[in-house]
Protein backbone atom coordinates (compact mmCIF):
# COMPACT_ATOMS: atom_id res chain seq x y z
CA MET A 1 133.01 119.94 -87.15
CA THR A 2 135.18 120.66 -83.99
CA ALA A 3 133.01 123.91 -83.44
CA ALA A 4 129.93 121.71 -83.46
CA ILE A 5 131.34 119.34 -81.07
CA LYS A 6 132.52 122.28 -78.77
CA ARG A 7 129.04 123.68 -78.83
CA GLY A 8 127.37 120.53 -78.13
CA LEU A 9 129.76 119.86 -75.11
CA GLN A 10 129.14 123.29 -73.74
CA LYS A 11 125.23 122.93 -74.21
CA GLY A 12 125.39 119.48 -72.65
CA LEU A 13 127.32 120.81 -69.65
CA SER A 14 124.98 123.77 -69.23
CA VAL A 15 121.97 121.57 -69.31
CA THR A 16 123.51 119.04 -66.82
CA LEU A 17 124.17 122.12 -64.44
CA VAL A 18 120.69 123.24 -64.71
CA LEU A 19 119.27 119.87 -64.01
CA ALA A 20 121.71 119.16 -61.21
CA ARG A 21 120.43 122.19 -59.50
CA ILE A 22 117.08 120.76 -59.16
CA VAL A 23 117.92 116.98 -58.87
CA VAL A 24 120.71 117.21 -56.24
CA PRO A 25 118.99 119.28 -53.47
CA VAL A 26 115.82 117.16 -53.79
CA TYR A 27 117.98 114.01 -53.50
CA ILE A 28 119.76 115.41 -50.54
CA MET A 29 116.48 116.43 -48.82
CA VAL A 30 114.77 113.04 -49.38
CA THR A 31 117.84 111.39 -48.13
CA PHE A 32 117.91 113.43 -45.09
CA LEU A 33 114.19 112.68 -44.58
CA LYS A 34 114.83 109.18 -44.35
CA TYR A 35 116.94 109.43 -41.35
CA THR A 36 114.24 111.44 -39.35
CA PRO A 37 110.86 110.60 -38.04
CA ALA A 38 109.28 112.81 -40.67
CA MET A 39 109.75 110.15 -43.38
CA GLY A 40 108.17 107.64 -41.27
CA PHE A 41 105.29 109.94 -40.55
CA ILE A 42 104.85 110.89 -44.37
CA ALA A 43 104.96 107.23 -45.25
CA ARG A 44 102.20 105.97 -42.78
CA LEU A 45 100.02 108.93 -43.71
CA PHE A 46 100.16 108.15 -47.46
CA GLU A 47 100.47 104.27 -47.12
CA PRO A 48 96.84 103.50 -47.70
CA VAL A 49 96.49 105.47 -50.84
CA MET A 50 100.01 104.54 -52.31
CA ARG A 51 99.05 100.75 -51.59
CA LEU A 52 96.40 101.16 -54.01
CA VAL A 53 98.87 101.64 -56.78
CA GLY A 54 101.29 99.12 -55.54
CA LEU A 55 103.77 101.64 -54.12
CA PRO A 56 105.30 102.43 -50.64
CA GLY A 57 104.16 105.49 -48.54
CA GLU A 58 107.52 107.09 -49.21
CA ALA A 59 106.75 107.22 -52.80
CA SER A 60 104.30 109.71 -52.17
CA ILE A 61 107.01 112.44 -51.90
CA ALA A 62 108.02 111.69 -55.33
CA ILE A 63 104.45 111.62 -56.72
CA VAL A 64 103.54 114.90 -54.86
CA LEU A 65 106.90 116.56 -56.15
CA GLY A 66 106.17 115.42 -59.71
CA TYR A 67 102.57 116.38 -59.60
CA LEU A 68 103.12 119.91 -58.17
CA THR A 69 106.54 120.82 -59.69
CA ASN A 70 108.26 118.95 -62.39
CA LEU A 71 109.70 115.56 -63.34
CA TYR A 72 113.11 116.45 -62.34
CA ALA A 73 112.32 117.15 -58.89
CA ALA A 74 110.56 113.75 -58.70
CA LEU A 75 113.40 112.12 -60.16
CA GLY A 76 115.78 113.29 -57.39
CA ALA A 77 113.20 111.93 -54.82
CA ILE A 78 113.05 108.62 -56.69
CA ALA A 79 116.78 108.31 -56.88
CA SER A 80 116.93 108.34 -53.09
CA LEU A 81 114.26 105.89 -52.56
CA ASN A 82 114.91 102.25 -52.61
CA LEU A 83 112.23 101.25 -55.15
CA SER A 84 112.09 97.95 -57.16
CA ALA A 85 111.93 97.84 -60.94
CA LYS A 86 108.20 97.37 -60.74
CA GLU A 87 107.53 100.35 -58.28
CA THR A 88 109.91 102.42 -60.42
CA THR A 89 107.82 101.67 -63.52
CA ILE A 90 104.55 102.48 -61.75
CA ILE A 91 105.65 105.76 -60.52
CA ALA A 92 107.18 106.63 -64.00
CA LEU A 93 103.99 105.92 -65.71
CA MET A 94 101.87 107.85 -63.24
CA LEU A 95 104.18 110.87 -63.59
CA LEU A 96 104.19 110.56 -67.27
CA ILE A 97 100.50 111.10 -67.33
CA SER A 98 100.26 113.72 -64.63
CA HIS A 99 103.11 115.97 -63.95
CA ALA A 100 103.82 119.83 -63.33
CA MET A 101 100.01 120.13 -62.99
CA PRO A 102 99.99 123.80 -61.75
CA MET A 103 101.86 125.12 -64.78
CA GLU A 104 100.12 122.87 -67.32
CA THR A 105 96.78 123.64 -65.73
CA ALA A 106 97.60 127.45 -66.26
CA VAL A 107 98.37 126.67 -69.99
CA SER A 108 95.19 124.74 -70.47
CA LEU A 109 93.31 127.74 -68.99
CA LYS A 110 94.63 129.89 -71.75
CA THR A 111 93.31 127.67 -74.49
CA GLY A 112 89.90 127.79 -72.94
CA VAL A 113 89.99 124.22 -71.33
CA ASN A 114 88.21 123.94 -67.89
CA GLY A 115 91.25 123.62 -65.51
CA LEU A 116 89.51 121.86 -62.88
CA VAL A 117 88.18 119.21 -65.33
CA MET A 118 91.68 118.69 -66.66
CA LEU A 119 93.33 118.46 -63.41
CA ALA A 120 90.62 115.78 -62.18
CA ILE A 121 91.02 113.80 -65.48
CA ARG A 122 94.91 113.76 -65.39
CA THR A 123 94.84 112.61 -61.64
CA LEU A 124 92.25 110.05 -62.07
CA LEU A 125 94.06 108.72 -65.13
CA SER A 126 97.32 108.61 -63.49
CA VAL A 127 95.98 106.70 -60.47
CA LEU A 128 94.06 104.23 -62.62
CA ALA A 129 97.05 103.68 -64.76
CA GLY A 130 99.12 103.01 -61.57
CA VAL A 131 96.29 100.64 -60.19
CA ALA A 132 96.24 98.60 -63.63
CA LEU A 133 100.08 98.37 -63.97
CA SER A 134 100.49 97.27 -60.25
CA PHE A 135 98.09 94.35 -61.07
CA ALA A 136 99.63 93.70 -64.62
CA LEU A 137 103.25 93.45 -63.28
C-alpha cells in the first residue's frame, strides 16, 4: 500500500511539473502583456468578434492559444485575465468544443475525414455555443 502511495505521489508530482512548464510561462507572458500597449492593441483588434460571445477582447489570447496549442496554454492565459464567472464559463465551453485544432485535425485526416470541414464545423460550433451561452447566462 505504501508503495502505491509513493508511486502515486511521484506520478502526481511529475504531471504537475509537466503542466507547470506550460501554464506558468503563458501566465507570465500574458501578465506581462497586460502592462504593455500590446494587450490593448490585441484587445481592440479582437473586441468586435469577442463581443459576439460575451467576452472581452483580451480573452482572444486564451481562445487562440487553446485553438492552436492545447487547453493548458489557454488555462495559463485565462488565469492571468480578470474574467467573471460568466466569461470563464463561456470560454471554457468554447475551448471544450474546439481546442488543439492543428493536432486533432491531423489525426482526423488520418481517419479519412475532410480536415477543412472538421475545422470549420468545430470553429463554428464553438462560436455558436459561446453566443448561445452568452445570452443564456
